[in-house]
Amino acid sequence: MKHDNPTPRRARWIEVLATYFFKIEHRPEKKMGHADYLSRNNQTNPKYPWDRKNTKYILNILYNDKGVYRSERYKDLIEGLIQVPCGKVDLGETSYQAFCRETREETGLHTALIYLITDKGFNCNIYTTDIGEMIPQWMECNKNGSWIFYTWAE
């Protein structure tokens, strides 16, 4: 699927659909009995926090019903601290697009997020992701340790 400058909503659909293998068949409007949601929805004014392009940071909490994944930082000012997938939002990128990019870069996972809250003090959108039985991969070994699973009791 290719699109030069998708709206944030369409970008989210592209991200989800990219994990499937399928053939797209165009149907003219008169053969469509229902409206095509993606093409009819004009998203020029973001009313959802994940569509904002002025978010500075994103943070993703990876969990399942047994606990949460975290890793220890190796360098920078936060050496030795525990972290979850996070990062800066690039210029022109929505919070959702940054979430997908950072999560892939840091864990190798393609996941579906749930928006949790915006921390206005840090201009940071916080997401949660139930990864079920998936296990994050150790992708940035020069920055942080491997992903460690902590049970909810720890």
C-alpha atoms as a PDB file:
ATOM      1  CA  MET A   1       0.000   0.000   0.000  1.00  0.00           C
ATOM      2  CA  LYS A   2       1.479   3.355  -0.991  1.00  0.00           C
ATOM      3  CA  HIS A   3       0.381   6.881  -0.211  1.00  0.00           C
ATOM      4  CA  ASP A   4       2.532  10.036  -0.350  1.00  0.00           C
ATOM      5  CA  ASN A   5       0.938  12.187   2.356  1.00  0.00           C
ATOM      6  CA  PRO A   6      -1.881  10.334   4.144  1.00  0.00           C
ATOM      7  CA  THR A   7      -4.134  11.933   6.725  1.00  0.00           C
ATOM      8  CA  PRO A   8      -3.420  10.693  10.270  1.00  0.00           C
ATOM      9  CA  ARG A   9      -6.487   8.448  10.237  1.00  0.00           C
ATOM     10  CA  ARG A  10      -5.538   6.927   6.887  1.00  0.00           C
ATOM     11  CA  ALA A  11      -1.933   6.502   8.100  1.00  0.00           C
ATOM     12  CA  ARG A  12      -3.212   4.451  11.035  1.00  0.00           C
ATOM     13  CA  TRP A  13      -5.244   2.235   8.686  1.00  0.00           C
ATOM     14  CA  ILE A  14      -2.242   1.811   6.371  1.00  0.00           C
ATOM     15  CA  GLU A  15      -0.118   0.770   9.363  1.00  0.00           C
ATOM     16  CA  VAL A  16      -2.655  -1.854  10.473  1.00  0.00           C
ATOM     17  CA  LEU A  17      -3.392  -3.168   6.973  1.00  0.00           C
ATOM     18  CA  ALA A  18       0.320  -3.422   6.086  1.00  0.00           C
ATOM     19  CA  THR A  19       0.575  -6.519   8.290  1.00  0.00           C
ATOM     20  CA  TYR A  20      -1.865  -8.438   6.044  1.00  0.00           C
ATOM     21  CA  PHE A  21      -1.474  -9.875   2.559  1.00  0.00           C
ATOM     22  CA  PHE A  22      -4.433  -9.061   0.323  1.00  0.00           C
ATOM     23  CA  LYS A  23      -5.415  -7.849  -3.114  1.00  0.00           C
ATOM     24  CA  ILE A  24      -7.318  -4.578  -3.424  1.00  0.00           C
ATOM     25  CA  GLU A  25     -10.063  -4.474  -6.015  1.00  0.00           C
ATOM     26  CA  HIS A  26     -11.418  -1.055  -6.998  1.00  0.00           C
ATOM     27  CA  ARG A  27     -15.199  -0.793  -7.161  1.00  0.00           C
ATOM     28  CA  PRO A  28     -16.828   2.248  -8.760  1.00  0.00           C
ATOM     29  CA  GLU A  29     -19.182   4.178  -6.497  1.00  0.00           C
ATOM     30  CA  LYS A  30     -22.325   2.837  -8.203  1.00  0.00           C
ATOM     31  CA  LYS A  31     -21.226  -0.736  -7.357  1.00  0.00           C
ATOM     32  CA  MET A  32     -20.585   0.168  -3.717  1.00  0.00           C
ATOM     33  CA  GLY A  33     -23.733  -0.325  -1.678  1.00  0.00           C
ATOM     34  CA  HIS A  34     -22.229   1.500   1.304  1.00  0.00           C
ATOM     35  CA  ALA A  35     -19.938   4.494   1.780  1.00  0.00           C
ATOM     36  CA  ASP A  36     -16.202   3.928   1.794  1.00  0.00           C
ATOM     37  CA  TYR A  37     -15.267   5.278   5.218  1.00  0.00           C
ATOM     38  CA  LEU A  38     -11.610   5.944   4.499  1.00  0.00           C
ATOM     39  CA  SER A  39     -12.213   8.025   1.389  1.00  0.00           C
ATOM     40  CA  ARG A  40     -15.273   9.910   2.702  1.00  0.00           C
ATOM     41  CA  ASN A  41     -13.860  11.006   6.024  1.00  0.00           C
ATOM     42  CA  ASN A  42     -12.091  14.375   5.785  1.00  0.00           C
ATOM     43  CA  GLN A  43      -9.679  14.669   8.712  1.00  0.00           C
ATOM     44  CA  THR A  44      -8.240  18.161   8.269  1.00  0.00           C
ATOM     45  CA  ASN A  45      -8.605  19.299  11.894  1.00  0.00           C
ATOM     46  CA  PRO A  46      -7.279  16.703  14.351  1.00  0.00           C
ATOM     47  CA  LYS A  47      -9.758  16.278  17.159  1.00  0.00           C
ATOM     48  CA  TYR A  48      -8.041  13.210  18.616  1.00  0.00           C
ATOM     49  CA  PRO A  49      -4.806  13.489  20.637  1.00  0.00           C
ATOM     50  CA  TRP A  50      -3.022  10.809  18.559  1.00  0.00           C
ATOM     51  CA  ASP A  51      -3.469  12.985  15.445  1.00  0.00           C
ATOM     52  CA  ARG A  52      -1.615  15.959  16.950  1.00  0.00           C
ATOM     53  CA  LYS A  53       1.557  17.013  15.179  1.00  0.00           C
ATOM     54  CA  ASN A  54       2.753  19.240  18.022  1.00  0.00           C
ATOM     55  CA  THR A  55       3.317  16.391  20.501  1.00  0.00           C
ATOM     56  CA  LYS A  56       6.970  16.346  21.573  1.00  0.00           C
ATOM     57  CA  TYR A  57       7.299  12.800  23.014  1.00  0.00           C
ATOM     58  CA  ILE A  58       5.498   9.459  23.034  1.00  0.00           C
ATOM     59  CA  LEU A  59       5.675   6.647  25.563  1.00  0.00           C
ATOM     60  CA  ASN A  60       4.343   3.093  25.139  1.00  0.00           C
ATOM     61  CA  ILE A  61       3.645   0.710  28.019  1.00  0.00           C
ATOM     62  CA  LEU A  62       3.909  -2.908  26.769  1.00  0.00           C
ATOM     63  CA  TYR A  63       2.001  -5.365  28.940  1.00  0.00           C
ATOM     64  CA  ASN A  64      -0.039  -8.547  29.063  1.00  0.00           C
ATOM     65  CA  ASP A  65      -2.308 -10.047  31.704  1.00  0.00           C
ATOM     66  CA  LYS A  66       0.732 -11.238  33.726  1.00  0.00           C
ATOM     67  CA  GLY A  67       2.915  -8.100  33.798  1.00  0.00           C
ATOM     68  CA  VAL A  68       4.854  -5.401  31.945  1.00  0.00           C
ATOM     69  CA  TYR A  69       8.075  -5.207  29.834  1.00  0.00           C
ATOM     70  CA  ARG A  70      10.886  -2.762  30.655  1.00  0.00           C
ATOM     71  CA  SER A  71      14.599  -2.410  29.964  1.00  0.00           C
ATOM     72  CA  GLU A  72      17.583  -0.736  31.632  1.00  0.00           C
ATOM     73  CA  ARG A  73      19.375   2.178  29.927  1.00  0.00           C
ATOM     74  CA  TYR A  74      23.154   1.947  29.311  1.00  0.00           C
ATOM     75  CA  LYS A  75      24.118   5.534  28.586  1.00  0.00           C
ATOM     76  CA  ASP A  76      23.059   9.179  28.608  1.00  0.00           C
ATOM     77  CA  LEU A  77      21.683  10.964  31.619  1.00  0.00           C
ATOM     78  CA  ILE A  78      19.293   8.124  32.404  1.00  0.00           C
ATOM     79  CA  GLU A  79      21.879   5.356  32.676  1.00  0.00           C
ATOM     80  CA  GLY A  80      20.709   2.604  35.010  1.00  0.00           C
ATOM     81  CA  LEU A  81      17.090   3.713  34.935  1.00  0.00           C
ATOM     82  CA  ILE A  82      14.260   1.467  33.776  1.00  0.00           C
ATOM     83  CA  GLN A  83      12.424   2.487  30.618  1.00  0.00           C
ATOM     84  CA  VAL A  84       9.601   1.505  28.284  1.00  0.00           C
ATOM     85  CA  PRO A  85       9.525   2.172  24.493  1.00  0.00           C
ATOM     86  CA  CYS A  86       9.564   5.942  24.043  1.00  0.00           C
ATOM     87  CA  GLY A  87      10.974   8.699  21.888  1.00  0.00           C
ATOM     88  CA  LYS A  88      10.667  12.097  20.246  1.00  0.00           C
ATOM     89  CA  VAL A  89       8.052  12.882  17.633  1.00  0.00           C
ATOM     90  CA  ASP A  90       9.715  13.923  14.355  1.00  0.00           C
ATOM     91  CA  LEU A  91       8.733  17.171  12.608  1.00  0.00           C
ATOM     92  CA  GLY A  92       5.494  16.683  10.640  1.00  0.00           C
ATOM     93  CA  GLU A  93       4.828  13.313  12.265  1.00  0.00           C
ATOM     94  CA  THR A  94       1.692  12.588  14.292  1.00  0.00           C
ATOM     95  CA  SER A  95       1.872  11.095  17.746  1.00  0.00           C
ATOM     96  CA  TYR A  96       0.456   7.842  16.349  1.00  0.00           C
ATOM     97  CA  GLN A  97       3.071   7.645  13.574  1.00  0.00           C
ATOM     98  CA  ALA A  98       5.841   8.249  16.136  1.00  0.00           C
ATOM     99  CA  PHE A  99       4.362   5.511  18.351  1.00  0.00           C
ATOM    100  CA  CYS A 100       4.457   2.981  15.488  1.00  0.00           C
ATOM    101  CA  ARG A 101       7.995   3.969  14.444  1.00  0.00           C
ATOM    102  CA  GLU A 102       9.471   3.976  17.957  1.00  0.00           C
ATOM    103  CA  THR A 103       7.803   0.701  18.953  1.00  0.00           C
ATOM    104  CA  ARG A 104       9.126  -1.025  15.795  1.00  0.00           C
ATOM    105  CA  GLU A 105      12.626   0.466  16.238  1.00  0.00           C
ATOM    106  CA  GLU A 106      12.903  -0.488  19.912  1.00  0.00           C
ATOM    107  CA  THR A 107      11.034  -3.822  20.049  1.00  0.00           C
ATOM    108  CA  GLY A 108      10.518  -5.103  16.495  1.00  0.00           C
ATOM    109  CA  LEU A 109       6.779  -5.356  17.221  1.00  0.00           C
ATOM    110  CA  HIS A 110       3.906  -4.195  15.022  1.00  0.00           C
ATOM    111  CA  THR A 111       1.175  -3.518  17.547  1.00  0.00           C
ATOM    112  CA  ALA A 112      -2.208  -1.880  17.984  1.00  0.00           C
ATOM    113  CA  LEU A 113      -2.197   0.842  20.580  1.00  0.00           C
ATOM    114  CA  ILE A 114      -4.659   2.287  23.027  1.00  0.00           C
ATOM    115  CA  TYR A 115      -4.280   5.991  23.773  1.00  0.00           C
ATOM    116  CA  LEU A 116      -4.118   6.498  27.541  1.00  0.00           C
ATOM    117  CA  ILE A 117      -3.441  10.152  28.366  1.00  0.00           C
ATOM    118  CA  THR A 118      -1.415  13.253  27.483  1.00  0.00           C
ATOM    119  CA  ASP A 119       1.088  14.496  30.045  1.00  0.00           C
ATOM    120  CA  LYS A 120       0.800  18.215  29.348  1.00  0.00           C
ATOM    121  CA  GLY A 121       3.834  19.043  31.514  1.00  0.00           C
ATOM    122  CA  PHE A 122       6.114  17.107  29.117  1.00  0.00           C
ATOM    123  CA  ASN A 123       3.850  17.351  26.028  1.00  0.00           C
ATOM    124  CA  CYS A 124       3.952  13.549  25.897  1.00  0.00           C
ATOM    125  CA  ASN A 125       1.231  11.198  24.644  1.00  0.00           C
ATOM    126  CA  ILE A 126       1.159   7.956  26.634  1.00  0.00           C
ATOM    127  CA  TYR A 127      -0.134   4.740  25.079  1.00  0.00           C
ATOM    128  CA  THR A 128      -0.674   1.217  26.344  1.00  0.00           C
ATOM    129  CA  THR A 129      -0.332  -1.935  24.272  1.00  0.00           C
ATOM    130  CA  ASP A 130      -1.507  -5.407  25.261  1.00  0.00           C
ATOM    131  CA  ILE A 131       1.032  -7.587  23.426  1.00  0.00           C
ATOM    132  CA  GLY A 132      -0.437 -10.885  24.629  1.00  0.00           C
ATOM    133  CA  GLU A 133       2.100 -13.672  24.087  1.00  0.00           C
ATOM    134  CA  MET A 134       4.392 -11.617  21.801  1.00  0.00           C
ATOM    135  CA  ILE A 135       7.900 -10.966  23.137  1.00  0.00           C
ATOM    136  CA  PRO A 136       9.766  -7.721  22.374  1.00  0.00           C
ATOM    137  CA  GLN A 137      13.105  -8.145  20.567  1.00  0.00           C
ATOM    138  CA  TRP A 138      16.285  -6.462  21.785  1.00  0.00           C
ATOM    139  CA  MET A 139      16.763  -3.936  18.980  1.00  0.00           C
ATOM    140  CA  GLU A 140      18.871  -1.091  20.424  1.00  0.00           C
ATOM    141  CA  CYS A 141      21.647  -2.930  22.242  1.00  0.00           C
ATOM    142  CA  ASN A 142      23.909   0.157  22.122  1.00  0.00           C
ATOM    143  CA  LYS A 143      21.407   2.158  24.225  1.00  0.00           C
ATOM    144  CA  ASN A 144      19.648  -0.233  26.561  1.00  0.00           C
ATOM    145  CA  GLY A 145      19.514  -3.758  27.914  1.00  0.00           C
ATOM    146  CA  SER A 146      17.223  -6.508  26.747  1.00  0.00           C
ATOM    147  CA  TRP A 147      13.508  -6.344  27.506  1.00  0.00           C
ATOM    148  CA  ILE A 148      12.789  -7.817  30.924  1.00  0.00           C
ATOM    149  CA  PHE A 149       9.357  -9.006  31.956  1.00  0.00           C
ATOM    150  CA  TYR A 150       8.167  -7.800  35.375  1.00  0.00           C
ATOM    151  CA  THR A 151       5.095  -9.403  36.896  1.00  0.00           C
ATOM    152  CA  TRP A 152       2.400  -7.128  38.275  1.00  0.00           C
ATOM    153  CA  ALA A 153       3.453  -8.157  41.791  1.00  0.00           C
ATOM    154  CA  GLU A 154       7.069  -6.901  41.364  1.00  0.00           C
END
